Amino acid sequence: MRQLVYHIGNLIYLPAHQLQSARHQVIWDTFTSFHNVLQNEQYKSSFQHQTLILTLKQRFWAHKQEENRVDQPFSTETTMLYELLAIHHLLEELHRIHLLKERYNLNNSPVSLSS
């Protein structure tokens, strides 16, 4: 959770006003999707969420490659894409932890021998 707060904090300081165009709708949709994942009891992501993340990954690598080619620092969009992908990774980790917890609870639940 601390790492999640760290990455969200990084997003707060980015100039999001630069991302108002329709081209950046996938970024705004990802925020909504994160909210939905966090509201899910098991932190499970939907197929639509996975599709958004795939789009973010493709866009991130394209931006990074372009910025490396012209030797310029990361743009606001590249930084935001990185932070969103990091948050996604942490949400996947929360889901895995939840699954492990459920498995542990099932394996350690008391067994009644009476019929």
C-alpha atoms as a PDB file:
ATOM      1  CA  MET A   1       0.000   0.000   0.000  1.00  0.00           C
ATOM      2  CA  ARG A   2       2.889   2.336   0.733  1.00  0.00           C
ATOM      3  CA  GLN A   3       4.203   1.853  -2.817  1.00  0.00           C
ATOM      4  CA  LEU A   4       0.740   2.496  -4.216  1.00  0.00           C
ATOM      5  CA  VAL A   5       0.541   5.788  -2.324  1.00  0.00           C
ATOM      6  CA  TYR A   6       4.056   6.668  -3.525  1.00  0.00           C
ATOM      7  CA  HIS A   7       3.108   6.252  -7.203  1.00  0.00           C
ATOM      8  CA  ILE A   8      -0.184   8.108  -6.748  1.00  0.00           C
ATOM      9  CA  GLY A   9       1.785  10.923  -5.111  1.00  0.00           C
ATOM     10  CA  ASN A  10       4.058  11.082  -8.145  1.00  0.00           C
ATOM     11  CA  LEU A  11       1.008  11.439 -10.389  1.00  0.00           C
ATOM     12  CA  ILE A  12      -0.294  14.347  -8.333  1.00  0.00           C
ATOM     13  CA  TYR A  13       2.732  16.469  -9.253  1.00  0.00           C
ATOM     14  CA  LEU A  14       2.467  15.909 -12.994  1.00  0.00           C
ATOM     15  CA  PRO A  15       0.890  18.697 -15.063  1.00  0.00           C
ATOM     16  CA  ALA A  16      -2.221  16.728 -16.086  1.00  0.00           C
ATOM     17  CA  HIS A  17      -3.694  19.785 -17.814  1.00  0.00           C
ATOM     18  CA  GLN A  18      -1.392  18.864 -20.707  1.00  0.00           C
ATOM     19  CA  LEU A  19      -3.360  15.633 -21.199  1.00  0.00           C
ATOM     20  CA  GLN A  20      -6.827  16.993 -21.938  1.00  0.00           C
ATOM     21  CA  SER A  21      -7.034  15.907 -25.570  1.00  0.00           C
ATOM     22  CA  ALA A  22      -9.128  12.972 -26.773  1.00  0.00           C
ATOM     23  CA  ARG A  23      -5.856  11.211 -27.586  1.00  0.00           C
ATOM     24  CA  HIS A  24      -5.320  10.797 -23.855  1.00  0.00           C
ATOM     25  CA  GLN A  25      -8.731   9.319 -23.070  1.00  0.00           C
ATOM     26  CA  VAL A  26      -7.117   5.940 -22.384  1.00  0.00           C
ATOM     27  CA  ILE A  27      -5.201   7.506 -19.480  1.00  0.00           C
ATOM     28  CA  TRP A  28      -8.366   8.913 -17.946  1.00  0.00           C
ATOM     29  CA  ASP A  29     -10.163   5.593 -18.525  1.00  0.00           C
ATOM     30  CA  THR A  30      -7.335   3.833 -16.693  1.00  0.00           C
ATOM     31  CA  PHE A  31      -7.926   5.953 -13.582  1.00  0.00           C
ATOM     32  CA  THR A  32     -11.566   4.837 -13.605  1.00  0.00           C
ATOM     33  CA  SER A  33     -10.504   1.244 -14.139  1.00  0.00           C
ATOM     34  CA  PHE A  34      -8.099   1.417 -11.178  1.00  0.00           C
ATOM     35  CA  HIS A  35     -10.974   2.653  -9.060  1.00  0.00           C
ATOM     36  CA  ASN A  36     -13.048  -0.352 -10.152  1.00  0.00           C
ATOM     37  CA  VAL A  37     -10.222  -2.787  -9.352  1.00  0.00           C
ATOM     38  CA  LEU A  38      -9.797  -1.275  -5.884  1.00  0.00           C
ATOM     39  CA  GLN A  39     -13.541  -1.555  -5.269  1.00  0.00           C
ATOM     40  CA  ASN A  40     -13.441  -5.244  -6.181  1.00  0.00           C
ATOM     41  CA  GLU A  41     -13.167  -7.403  -3.073  1.00  0.00           C
ATOM     42  CA  GLN A  42     -10.519  -9.590  -4.712  1.00  0.00           C
ATOM     43  CA  TYR A  43      -8.707  -6.751  -6.543  1.00  0.00           C
ATOM     44  CA  LYS A  44      -9.482  -8.565  -9.775  1.00  0.00           C
ATOM     45  CA  SER A  45      -9.187  -6.637 -13.023  1.00  0.00           C
ATOM     46  CA  SER A  46     -11.576  -6.921 -15.934  1.00  0.00           C
ATOM     47  CA  PHE A  47     -10.815  -7.762 -19.546  1.00  0.00           C
ATOM     48  CA  GLN A  48     -11.367  -4.075 -20.391  1.00  0.00           C
ATOM     49  CA  HIS A  49      -8.785  -3.130 -17.766  1.00  0.00           C
ATOM     50  CA  GLN A  50      -6.257  -5.538 -19.277  1.00  0.00           C
ATOM     51  CA  THR A  51      -6.934  -4.024 -22.709  1.00  0.00           C
ATOM     52  CA  LEU A  52      -6.297  -0.522 -21.346  1.00  0.00           C
ATOM     53  CA  ILE A  53      -3.031  -1.676 -19.782  1.00  0.00           C
ATOM     54  CA  LEU A  54      -1.881  -3.234 -23.044  1.00  0.00           C
ATOM     55  CA  THR A  55      -2.561   0.077 -24.790  1.00  0.00           C
ATOM     56  CA  LEU A  56      -0.631   1.951 -22.078  1.00  0.00           C
ATOM     57  CA  LYS A  57       2.337  -0.415 -22.422  1.00  0.00           C
ATOM     58  CA  GLN A  58       2.450   0.025 -26.186  1.00  0.00           C
ATOM     59  CA  ARG A  59       2.224   3.782 -25.869  1.00  0.00           C
ATOM     60  CA  PHE A  60       4.868   3.885 -23.120  1.00  0.00           C
ATOM     61  CA  TRP A  61       7.423   1.948 -25.185  1.00  0.00           C
ATOM     62  CA  ALA A  62       6.692   4.024 -28.281  1.00  0.00           C
ATOM     63  CA  HIS A  63       7.206   7.280 -26.330  1.00  0.00           C
ATOM     64  CA  LYS A  64      10.339   5.993 -24.633  1.00  0.00           C
ATOM     65  CA  GLN A  65      11.810   4.888 -27.941  1.00  0.00           C
ATOM     66  CA  GLU A  66      11.050   8.275 -29.523  1.00  0.00           C
ATOM     67  CA  GLU A  67      12.537  10.175 -26.582  1.00  0.00           C
ATOM     68  CA  ASN A  68      15.681   8.025 -26.663  1.00  0.00           C
ATOM     69  CA  ARG A  69      16.063   8.689 -30.380  1.00  0.00           C
ATOM     70  CA  VAL A  70      16.042  12.472 -29.946  1.00  0.00           C
ATOM     71  CA  ASP A  71      17.836  12.316 -26.571  1.00  0.00           C
ATOM     72  CA  GLN A  72      15.323  14.301 -24.561  1.00  0.00           C
ATOM     73  CA  PRO A  73      14.080  13.808 -20.989  1.00  0.00           C
ATOM     74  CA  PHE A  74      10.856  11.948 -20.299  1.00  0.00           C
ATOM     75  CA  SER A  75       7.756  13.880 -21.241  1.00  0.00           C
ATOM     76  CA  THR A  76       4.811  14.320 -18.897  1.00  0.00           C
ATOM     77  CA  GLU A  77       2.938  11.637 -20.812  1.00  0.00           C
ATOM     78  CA  THR A  78       5.774   9.102 -20.623  1.00  0.00           C
ATOM     79  CA  THR A  79       6.153   9.696 -16.894  1.00  0.00           C
ATOM     80  CA  MET A  80       2.402   9.334 -16.373  1.00  0.00           C
ATOM     81  CA  LEU A  81       2.332   6.118 -18.394  1.00  0.00           C
ATOM     82  CA  TYR A  82       5.177   4.734 -16.291  1.00  0.00           C
ATOM     83  CA  GLU A  83       3.388   5.588 -13.032  1.00  0.00           C
ATOM     84  CA  LEU A  84       0.127   4.052 -14.260  1.00  0.00           C
ATOM     85  CA  LEU A  85       1.900   0.846 -15.278  1.00  0.00           C
ATOM     86  CA  ALA A  86       3.605   0.714 -11.870  1.00  0.00           C
ATOM     87  CA  ILE A  87       0.227   1.105 -10.149  1.00  0.00           C
ATOM     88  CA  HIS A  88      -1.198  -1.647 -12.330  1.00  0.00           C
ATOM     89  CA  HIS A  89       1.646  -3.935 -11.304  1.00  0.00           C
ATOM     90  CA  LEU A  90       0.926  -3.242  -7.624  1.00  0.00           C
ATOM     91  CA  LEU A  91      -2.786  -3.957  -8.119  1.00  0.00           C
ATOM     92  CA  GLU A  92      -1.892  -7.284  -9.732  1.00  0.00           C
ATOM     93  CA  GLU A  93       0.273  -8.016  -6.699  1.00  0.00           C
ATOM     94  CA  LEU A  94      -2.660  -7.197  -4.384  1.00  0.00           C
ATOM     95  CA  HIS A  95      -4.801  -9.666  -6.326  1.00  0.00           C
ATOM     96  CA  ARG A  96      -2.135 -12.385  -6.003  1.00  0.00           C
ATOM     97  CA  ILE A  97      -1.826 -11.717  -2.261  1.00  0.00           C
ATOM     98  CA  HIS A  98      -5.584 -11.970  -1.895  1.00  0.00           C
ATOM     99  CA  LEU A  99      -5.603 -15.326  -3.718  1.00  0.00           C
ATOM    100  CA  LEU A 100      -2.800 -16.632  -1.490  1.00  0.00           C
ATOM    101  CA  LYS A 101      -4.700 -15.488   1.590  1.00  0.00           C
ATOM    102  CA  GLU A 102      -7.825 -17.304   0.423  1.00  0.00           C
ATOM    103  CA  ARG A 103      -5.832 -20.464  -0.267  1.00  0.00           C
ATOM    104  CA  TYR A 104      -4.198 -20.223   3.170  1.00  0.00           C
ATOM    105  CA  ASN A 105      -7.578 -19.758   4.854  1.00  0.00           C
ATOM    106  CA  LEU A 106      -8.996 -22.785   3.041  1.00  0.00           C
ATOM    107  CA  ASN A 107      -6.039 -24.973   3.984  1.00  0.00           C
ATOM    108  CA  ASN A 108      -6.125 -23.894   7.629  1.00  0.00           C
ATOM    109  CA  SER A 109      -9.849 -23.911   8.218  1.00  0.00           C
ATOM    110  CA  PRO A 110     -10.955 -26.170  11.056  1.00  0.00           C
ATOM    111  CA  VAL A 111     -12.255 -29.522   9.908  1.00  0.00           C
ATOM    112  CA  SER A 112     -15.222 -30.986  11.703  1.00  0.00           C
ATOM    113  CA  LEU A 113     -15.003 -34.715  12.298  1.00  0.00           C
ATOM    114  CA  SER A 114     -18.589 -35.037  13.473  1.00  0.00           C
ATOM    115  CA  SER A 115     -21.283 -36.060  11.046  1.00  0.00           C
END
